[in-house]
C-alpha atoms as a PDB file:
ATOM      1  CA  MET A   1      27.333-136.113 -92.449  1.00  0.00           C
ATOM      2  CA  GLY A   2      28.782-135.533 -95.865  1.00  0.00           C
ATOM      3  CA  PRO A   3      29.206-132.206 -97.632  1.00  0.00           C
ATOM      4  CA  GLY A   4      25.940-130.539 -98.481  1.00  0.00           C
ATOM      5  CA  ALA A   5      23.957-132.777 -96.120  1.00  0.00           C
ATOM      6  CA  ARG A   6      21.390-131.099 -93.944  1.00  0.00           C
ATOM      7  CA  CYS A   7      21.064-131.736 -90.257  1.00  0.00           C
ATOM      8  CA  ASP A   8      17.719-132.833 -88.846  1.00  0.00           C
ATOM      9  CA  PRO A   9      16.744-130.220 -86.204  1.00  0.00           C
ATOM     10  CA  GLU A  10      14.626-132.741 -84.349  1.00  0.00           C
ATOM     11  CA  ALA A  11      17.545-135.161 -84.029  1.00  0.00           C
ATOM     12  CA  HIS A  12      20.229-132.606 -83.188  1.00  0.00           C
ATOM     13  CA  ALA A  13      19.681-129.695 -80.820  1.00  0.00           C
ATOM     14  CA  HIS A  14      22.477-127.637 -82.391  1.00  0.00           C
ATOM     15  CA  CYS A  15      20.656-127.653 -85.749  1.00  0.00           C
ATOM     16  CA  ALA A  16      17.551-126.120 -84.212  1.00  0.00           C
ATOM     17  CA  SER A  17      19.609-123.125 -83.035  1.00  0.00           C
ATOM     18  CA  GLY A  18      20.061-121.985 -86.625  1.00  0.00           C
ATOM     19  CA  SER A  19      23.791-122.645 -86.747  1.00  0.00           C
ATOM     20  CA  ASN A  20      24.923-123.463 -90.277  1.00  0.00           C
ATOM     21  CA  THR A  21      28.159-125.065 -89.186  1.00  0.00           C
ATOM     22  CA  GLY A  22      26.513-128.115 -87.685  1.00  0.00           C
ATOM     23  CA  MET A  23      28.531-127.718 -84.464  1.00  0.00           C
ATOM     24  CA  ASP A  24      27.385-127.161 -80.925  1.00  0.00           C
ATOM     25  CA  PRO A  25      27.821-123.432 -80.058  1.00  0.00           C
ATOM     26  CA  ASN A  26      29.837-124.460 -77.015  1.00  0.00           C
ATOM     27  CA  ILE A  27      32.233-126.418 -79.226  1.00  0.00           C
ATOM     28  CA  GLU A  28      32.448-123.465 -81.636  1.00  0.00           C
ATOM     29  CA  GLN A  29      33.400-121.162 -78.757  1.00  0.00           C
ATOM     30  CA  ARG A  30      35.956-123.646 -77.468  1.00  0.00           C
ATOM     31  CA  LEU A  31      37.428-123.957 -80.958  1.00  0.00           C
ATOM     32  CA  THR A  32      37.609-120.171 -81.291  1.00  0.00           C
ATOM     33  CA  ASP A  33      39.301-119.932 -77.884  1.00  0.00           C
ATOM     34  CA  LEU A  34      41.831-122.589 -78.907  1.00  0.00           C
ATOM     35  CA  GLU A  35      42.567-120.766 -82.173  1.00  0.00           C
ATOM     36  CA  ILE A  36      43.169-117.536 -80.225  1.00  0.00           C
ATOM     37  CA  LYS A  37      45.454-119.332 -77.778  1.00  0.00           C
ATOM     38  CA  ALA A  38      47.338-120.964 -80.655  1.00  0.00           C
ATOM     39  CA  SER A  39      47.832-117.566 -82.271  1.00  0.00           C
ATOM     40  CA  PHE A  40      49.194-116.048 -79.051  1.00  0.00           C
ATOM     41  CA  THR A  41      51.403-119.085 -78.531  1.00  0.00           C
ATOM     42  CA  GLU A  42      52.811-118.732 -82.041  1.00  0.00           C
ATOM     43  CA  ASP A  43      53.589-115.054 -81.392  1.00  0.00           C
ATOM     44  CA  THR A  44      55.301-115.959 -78.115  1.00  0.00           C
ATOM     45  CA  VAL A  45      57.384-118.644 -79.785  1.00  0.00           C
ATOM     46  CA  ASP A  46      58.450-116.154 -82.482  1.00  0.00           C
ATOM     47  CA  GLN A  47      59.462-113.603 -79.831  1.00  0.00           C
ATOM     48  CA  LEU A  48      61.402-116.205 -77.863  1.00  0.00           C
ATOM     49  CA  ASN A  49      63.130-117.370 -81.028  1.00  0.00           C
ATOM     50  CA  ARG A  50      64.317-113.811 -81.707  1.00  0.00           C
ATOM     51  CA  VAL A  51      65.635-113.577 -78.138  1.00  0.00           C
ATOM     52  CA  ILE A  52      67.481-116.885 -78.516  1.00  0.00           C
ATOM     53  CA  VAL A  53      69.073-115.771 -81.795  1.00  0.00           C
ATOM     54  CA  ARG A  54      70.208-112.484 -80.216  1.00  0.00           C
ATOM     55  CA  GLN A  55      71.599-114.273 -77.163  1.00  0.00           C
ATOM     56  CA  GLN A  56      73.471-116.759 -79.327  1.00  0.00           C
ATOM     57  CA  GLN A  57      75.050-113.870 -81.225  1.00  0.00           C
ATOM     58  CA  GLN A  58      76.105-112.337 -77.903  1.00  0.00           C
ATOM     59  CA  ILE A  59      77.542-115.668 -76.725  1.00  0.00           C
ATOM     60  CA  ASP A  60      79.487-116.029 -79.975  1.00  0.00           C
ATOM     61  CA  GLN A  61      80.909-112.505 -79.578  1.00  0.00           C
ATOM     62  CA  LEU A  62      81.886-113.168 -75.952  1.00  0.00           C
ATOM     63  CA  LEU A  63      83.599-116.413 -76.940  1.00  0.00           C
ATOM     64  CA  ARG A  64      85.624-114.571 -79.573  1.00  0.00           C
ATOM     65  CA  GLU A  65      86.635-112.001 -76.947  1.00  0.00           C
ATOM     66  CA  VAL A  66      87.643-114.712 -74.447  1.00  0.00           C
ATOM     67  CA  ILE A  67      89.758-116.429 -77.105  1.00  0.00           C
ATOM     68  CA  GLU A  68      91.457-113.126 -77.919  1.00  0.00           C
ATOM     69  CA  LEU A  69      92.099-112.376 -74.244  1.00  0.00           C
ATOM     70  CA  ARG A  70      93.569-115.851 -73.721  1.00  0.00           C
ATOM     71  CA  ARG A  71      95.816-115.334 -76.737  1.00  0.00           C
ATOM     72  CA  GLN A  72      96.969-111.974 -75.374  1.00  0.00           C
ATOM     73  CA  THR A  73      97.602-113.484 -71.942  1.00  0.00           C
ATOM     74  CA  ALA A  74      99.572-116.377 -73.410  1.00  0.00           C
ATOM     75  CA  ASN A  75     101.693-113.979 -75.479  1.00  0.00           C
ATOM     76  CA  ALA A  76     102.368-111.744 -72.472  1.00  0.00           C
ATOM     77  CA  ALA A  77     103.521-114.711 -70.383  1.00  0.00           C
ATOM     78  CA  GLU A  78     106.173-115.761 -72.927  1.00  0.00           C
ATOM     79  CA  PRO A  79     109.678-114.728 -71.939  1.00  0.00           C
ATOM     80  CA  GLY A  80     111.186-112.195 -74.267  1.00  0.00           C
ATOM     81  CA  ALA A  81     107.787-111.229 -75.643  1.00  0.00           C
ATOM     82  CA  PRO A  82     107.380-107.537 -76.353  1.00  0.00           C
ATOM     83  CA  ARG A  83     105.572-105.812 -73.508  1.00  0.00           C
ATOM     84  CA  SER A  84     103.452-102.743 -73.518  1.00  0.00           C
ATOM     85  CA  LEU A  85     104.425 -99.867 -71.233  1.00  0.00           C
ATOM     86  CA  GLY A  86     100.762 -99.714 -70.242  1.00  0.00           C
ATOM     87  CA  ASP A  87     101.237-103.147 -68.648  1.00  0.00           C
ATOM     88  CA  GLU A  88     104.105-101.950 -66.475  1.00  0.00           C
ATOM     89  CA  ARG A  89     103.540-100.820 -62.908  1.00  0.00           C
ATOM     90  CA  PRO A  90     104.623 -97.291 -62.198  1.00  0.00           C
ATOM     91  CA  PRO A  91     107.809 -97.022 -60.059  1.00  0.00           C
ATOM     92  CA  HIS A  92     105.985 -95.531 -57.053  1.00  0.00           C
ATOM     93  CA  TYR A  93     104.092 -98.782 -56.315  1.00  0.00           C
END
């Protein structure tokens, strides 16, 4: 049916129910349920996206720390490299 067309109540049971939308009430309820589910799904996706962004930031920070630790380890292993007294074992060990 085109816009503004009227449904024949004798031909369509949903028109006799007084619904102006021209849809079966069961279909309307199913559509409403799907819209609700879609809304909750969208909220869940947004929450998960925020978690992923936060985790990626944490991964990036950890990678920077690993790189720095590797650099420090490589420098400490070089002969003649300055050493920190905090790295030395006390004489009583």
